[in-house]
Amino acid sequence: MLKSVLRDAALVLLGAVIGNALVSGAQTERKAGVSLDFGISDNRFTPSPDGQWYQKDQDGTGRYKTTAGTFGLSFDLNPVWTVGVHYVSLGRPHVDALAVAFPEDDRSKLVAGTNTTRPACNGSFTEACLYQWHTASYARGVNFSTSIRLFEVEGVRFDAKAGLYAHKLSQAAIVEPLGCRDNCPWRIQVDQSAERITPMWGGVVRWKWLFASWESYEGIGAHTPVTANVKGRVEVKTIGVRIPI
């Protein structure tokens, strides 16, 4: 409920800022070469592969679509080139699933016919047992980018964009026995984090002080020591406003 209220409030605030920008932009031409940028994004993560925090043959649900945001500075070097530095949050995807704790995390080492819900599984975390897994990831960092104007039509500018995303990925996983929640006889929490620099690319449409973008953040959760519930590309769609300073 609180997250929904905060998200709605952020949308209202962004709408007010955009409305003000439209009124101001209709009255004067933008002259400043530096802008303060704010945006709200819709992000879609790539799920982790089968067997990593979830297994296709078990019940589970995942929320890979998140709402987050960005803010930062853009510098128009000339009428064609723009560089930027922005804080970018990709949000928090969640996965709740049943999964077997395979011996040494290797499905092939599970002995055929093993009862994964045997009574011994309830007393403590044990290999070859079926458990509840509740996982959440959080990716956030600073994006260093450059964009180039491709063409402009009736004041609407179309840019190509590329950059590097220096980010931190955090993963929290809670493991519990079956048949309980919040009142379980035991639970294990595993916290992991890693910092990486990965590429991003996309396109931006600009009109006066408004912008909309589609961007792809590559390799989130891949090639890191974090066993995350997401791994791969994150598709980011953003709408926002650029305020000259």
Protein backbone atom coordinates (compact mmCIF):
# COMPACT_ATOMS: atom_id res chain seq x y z
CA MET A 1 0.00 0.00 0.00
CA LEU A 2 2.76 2.46 0.97
CA LYS A 3 4.71 1.71 -2.20
CA SER A 4 1.59 2.32 -4.29
CA VAL A 5 0.95 5.67 -2.59
CA LEU A 6 4.56 6.77 -3.06
CA ARG A 7 4.49 5.74 -6.71
CA ASP A 8 1.25 7.65 -7.32
CA ALA A 9 2.64 10.71 -5.55
CA ALA A 10 5.78 10.56 -7.70
CA LEU A 11 3.67 10.38 -10.85
CA VAL A 12 1.62 13.39 -9.78
CA LEU A 13 4.80 15.33 -9.00
CA LEU A 14 6.34 14.44 -12.34
CA GLY A 15 3.12 15.48 -14.09
CA ALA A 16 3.22 18.85 -12.38
CA VAL A 17 6.85 19.37 -13.36
CA ILE A 18 6.12 18.38 -16.97
CA GLY A 19 3.13 20.72 -17.08
CA ASN A 20 5.26 23.59 -15.83
CA ALA A 21 7.94 22.75 -18.39
CA LEU A 22 5.40 22.78 -21.21
CA VAL A 23 4.14 26.21 -20.23
CA SER A 24 7.64 27.62 -19.84
CA GLY A 25 8.89 25.93 -23.01
CA ALA A 26 6.08 27.44 -25.03
CA GLN A 27 7.16 30.93 -23.97
CA THR A 28 10.95 30.79 -24.31
CA GLU A 29 13.59 28.87 -26.22
CA ARG A 30 16.02 26.77 -24.31
CA LYS A 31 19.46 28.41 -24.19
CA ALA A 32 21.29 26.64 -21.40
CA GLY A 33 23.74 23.88 -22.28
CA VAL A 34 23.28 22.03 -18.97
CA SER A 35 20.07 20.49 -17.69
CA LEU A 36 18.87 18.80 -14.53
CA ASP A 37 16.97 15.66 -15.51
CA PHE A 38 14.23 13.72 -13.69
CA GLY A 39 12.43 10.63 -14.94
CA ILE A 40 10.21 7.71 -13.95
CA SER A 41 10.93 4.34 -15.52
CA ASP A 42 9.20 1.07 -16.23
CA ASN A 43 11.76 -1.75 -16.07
CA ARG A 44 11.56 -5.37 -17.19
CA PHE A 45 14.23 -7.79 -15.93
CA THR A 46 15.34 -11.08 -17.45
CA PRO A 47 14.58 -14.05 -15.14
CA SER A 48 17.45 -16.18 -13.91
CA PRO A 49 17.86 -19.57 -15.59
CA ASP A 50 15.93 -22.63 -14.47
CA GLY A 51 17.41 -24.05 -11.26
CA GLN A 52 18.63 -20.73 -9.88
CA TRP A 53 16.24 -19.72 -7.09
CA TYR A 54 13.36 -21.39 -8.91
CA GLN A 55 12.72 -24.62 -10.80
CA LYS A 56 10.26 -24.96 -13.64
CA ASP A 57 8.81 -28.19 -12.26
CA GLN A 58 7.88 -26.51 -8.95
CA ASP A 59 5.33 -23.83 -8.06
CA GLY A 60 6.56 -20.26 -8.05
CA THR A 61 5.76 -16.66 -8.90
CA GLY A 62 8.04 -13.86 -10.02
CA ARG A 63 7.71 -10.10 -10.38
CA TYR A 64 10.24 -9.02 -12.96
CA LYS A 65 8.58 -5.73 -13.92
CA THR A 66 9.38 -2.80 -11.61
CA THR A 67 8.87 0.96 -11.38
CA ALA A 68 11.85 3.11 -10.47
CA GLY A 69 13.50 6.36 -11.55
CA THR A 70 16.50 8.43 -12.52
CA PHE A 71 17.96 11.89 -11.96
CA GLY A 72 21.16 13.61 -13.01
CA LEU A 73 22.79 16.08 -15.36
CA SER A 74 23.02 16.35 -19.15
CA PHE A 75 25.56 18.52 -20.95
CA ASP A 76 24.88 19.61 -24.54
CA LEU A 77 28.42 19.92 -25.90
CA ASN A 78 27.16 21.16 -29.26
CA PRO A 79 23.96 20.85 -31.33
CA VAL A 80 24.77 17.17 -32.02
CA TRP A 81 26.54 15.64 -29.00
CA THR A 82 25.25 15.31 -25.43
CA VAL A 83 26.92 13.64 -22.46
CA GLY A 84 25.27 12.78 -19.16
CA VAL A 85 25.80 11.43 -15.69
CA HIS A 86 22.71 10.05 -13.95
CA TYR A 87 21.77 8.01 -10.92
CA VAL A 88 19.65 5.11 -12.20
CA SER A 89 17.60 2.73 -10.09
CA LEU A 90 16.29 -0.38 -11.83
CA GLY A 91 14.00 -1.33 -8.94
CA ARG A 92 13.49 -4.53 -6.98
CA PRO A 93 12.38 -7.73 -8.72
CA HIS A 94 11.02 -10.54 -6.51
CA VAL A 95 10.73 -14.29 -6.84
CA ASP A 96 8.78 -16.54 -4.44
CA ALA A 97 9.11 -20.19 -5.31
CA LEU A 98 9.42 -23.75 -4.14
CA ALA A 99 12.78 -25.30 -4.99
CA VAL A 100 14.82 -28.34 -4.04
CA ALA A 101 18.19 -27.71 -2.42
CA PHE A 102 20.15 -30.03 -4.68
CA PRO A 103 23.37 -31.58 -3.29
CA GLU A 104 26.22 -29.17 -4.13
CA ASP A 105 23.63 -27.16 -6.08
CA ASP A 106 23.72 -29.80 -8.83
CA ARG A 107 20.45 -31.43 -9.96
CA SER A 108 22.30 -34.46 -11.36
CA LYS A 109 23.51 -35.34 -7.85
CA LEU A 110 19.99 -35.82 -6.50
CA VAL A 111 19.47 -39.55 -6.05
CA ALA A 112 16.45 -40.76 -8.00
CA GLY A 113 13.47 -41.52 -5.78
CA THR A 114 14.58 -39.24 -2.91
CA ASN A 115 11.64 -37.98 -0.86
CA THR A 116 12.26 -34.22 -0.83
CA THR A 117 9.50 -33.61 1.73
CA ARG A 118 10.61 -36.23 4.28
CA PRO A 119 10.28 -35.29 8.00
CA ALA A 120 14.02 -34.63 8.34
CA CYS A 121 13.63 -31.65 6.00
CA ASN A 122 11.52 -29.76 8.54
CA GLY A 123 14.05 -29.71 11.36
CA SER A 124 16.81 -27.76 9.62
CA PHE A 125 18.16 -26.84 6.21
CA THR A 126 19.20 -30.11 4.58
CA GLU A 127 20.34 -31.06 1.10
CA ALA A 128 17.87 -32.82 -1.20
CA CYS A 129 14.86 -31.15 0.43
CA LEU A 130 12.08 -28.98 -0.96
CA TYR A 131 11.84 -25.51 0.62
CA GLN A 132 10.21 -22.13 0.20
CA TRP A 133 12.55 -19.51 -1.30
CA HIS A 134 11.73 -15.79 -1.09
CA THR A 135 14.19 -13.64 -3.01
CA ALA A 136 14.57 -9.95 -3.81
CA SER A 137 17.21 -8.12 -5.85
CA TYR A 138 18.04 -4.42 -6.01
CA ALA A 139 20.10 -2.81 -8.78
CA ARG A 140 21.15 0.84 -8.61
CA GLY A 141 24.10 2.92 -9.72
CA VAL A 142 25.46 5.72 -11.89
CA ASN A 143 25.15 5.75 -15.66
CA PHE A 144 27.77 7.60 -17.73
CA SER A 145 26.40 8.13 -21.23
CA THR A 146 26.79 9.92 -24.50
CA SER A 147 24.16 10.51 -27.15
CA ILE A 148 24.22 11.79 -30.72
CA ARG A 149 21.45 13.48 -32.66
CA LEU A 150 20.30 11.32 -35.55
CA PHE A 151 17.67 13.64 -37.00
CA GLU A 152 15.04 16.18 -36.02
CA VAL A 153 11.48 16.61 -37.29
CA GLU A 154 9.35 19.65 -36.42
CA GLY A 155 11.29 20.29 -33.22
CA VAL A 156 11.26 16.63 -32.16
CA ARG A 157 14.81 15.30 -31.82
CA PHE A 158 15.82 11.64 -32.09
CA ASP A 159 19.08 10.54 -30.45
CA ALA A 160 21.07 7.31 -30.26
CA LYS A 161 22.56 6.68 -26.83
CA ALA A 162 25.26 4.45 -25.30
CA GLY A 163 27.09 4.32 -21.99
CA LEU A 164 28.45 2.43 -19.01
CA TYR A 165 26.44 1.58 -15.90
CA ALA A 166 28.50 1.41 -12.68
CA HIS A 167 26.08 -0.32 -10.33
CA LYS A 168 25.63 -2.41 -7.23
CA LEU A 169 23.43 -5.48 -7.27
CA SER A 170 22.15 -6.75 -3.93
CA GLN A 171 20.34 -10.05 -3.40
CA ALA A 172 18.50 -11.21 -0.30
CA ALA A 173 17.09 -14.72 -0.08
CA ILE A 174 15.05 -16.22 2.75
CA VAL A 175 14.68 -19.99 2.92
CA GLU A 176 11.91 -21.57 5.03
CA PRO A 177 10.45 -25.05 5.47
CA LEU A 178 7.16 -25.90 3.78
CA GLY A 179 3.77 -25.08 5.24
CA CYS A 180 4.59 -21.92 7.20
CA ARG A 181 5.25 -18.21 6.80
CA ASP A 182 6.56 -15.76 9.41
CA ASN A 183 6.06 -18.34 12.17
CA CYS A 184 8.42 -21.02 10.85
CA PRO A 185 10.49 -23.09 13.29
CA TRP A 186 13.61 -21.88 11.46
CA ARG A 187 14.67 -19.71 8.54
CA ILE A 188 17.90 -18.91 6.75
CA GLN A 189 18.67 -15.56 5.16
CA VAL A 190 21.42 -15.22 2.58
CA ASP A 191 22.60 -11.69 1.67
CA GLN A 192 24.91 -11.07 -1.28
CA SER A 193 26.11 -8.04 -3.21
CA ALA A 194 28.51 -7.18 -6.01
CA GLU A 195 29.60 -4.08 -7.90
CA ARG A 196 30.04 -4.13 -11.68
CA ILE A 197 30.32 -1.89 -14.73
CA THR A 198 28.17 -3.05 -17.64
CA PRO A 199 27.20 -1.51 -21.01
CA MET A 200 23.90 0.10 -21.90
CA TRP A 201 22.44 1.49 -25.12
CA GLY A 202 19.18 2.85 -26.46
CA GLY A 203 17.34 5.74 -28.03
CA VAL A 204 15.97 9.06 -26.79
CA VAL A 205 13.24 11.32 -28.15
CA ARG A 206 13.40 14.97 -27.04
CA TRP A 207 10.84 17.74 -27.45
CA LYS A 208 11.49 21.08 -25.77
CA TRP A 209 12.21 20.10 -22.15
CA LEU A 210 10.57 16.69 -22.27
CA PHE A 211 12.16 13.36 -23.11
CA ALA A 212 11.19 9.73 -23.52
CA SER A 213 13.69 6.90 -23.86
CA TRP A 214 13.99 3.18 -24.45
CA GLU A 215 17.21 1.71 -23.08
CA SER A 216 18.76 -1.71 -22.62
CA TYR A 217 20.99 -2.32 -19.60
CA GLU A 218 23.03 -5.41 -20.37
CA GLY A 219 24.33 -8.22 -18.17
CA ILE A 220 22.61 -7.33 -14.89
CA GLY A 221 23.34 -10.23 -12.56
CA ALA A 222 25.58 -12.01 -15.08
CA HIS A 223 29.26 -12.78 -14.39
CA THR A 224 29.04 -11.70 -10.74
CA PRO A 225 29.55 -13.64 -7.50
CA VAL A 226 25.89 -12.91 -6.67
CA THR A 227 23.47 -15.76 -7.34
CA ALA A 228 20.59 -13.45 -8.18
CA ASN A 229 17.00 -14.15 -9.19
CA VAL A 230 17.61 -12.12 -12.38
CA LYS A 231 20.31 -12.48 -14.98
CA GLY A 232 20.72 -10.61 -18.25
CA ARG A 233 19.19 -7.63 -20.00
CA VAL A 234 16.92 -5.08 -18.33
CA GLU A 235 14.61 -3.16 -20.67
CA VAL A 236 14.03 0.37 -19.35
CA LYS A 237 11.34 2.75 -20.62
CA THR A 238 11.54 6.26 -19.16
CA ILE A 239 9.59 9.51 -19.41
CA GLY A 240 10.89 12.69 -17.86
CA VAL A 241 11.80 16.34 -17.99
CA ARG A 242 15.05 18.26 -18.53
CA ILE A 243 15.21 21.54 -16.60
CA PRO A 244 17.86 24.05 -17.83
CA ILE A 245 20.23 25.30 -15.13
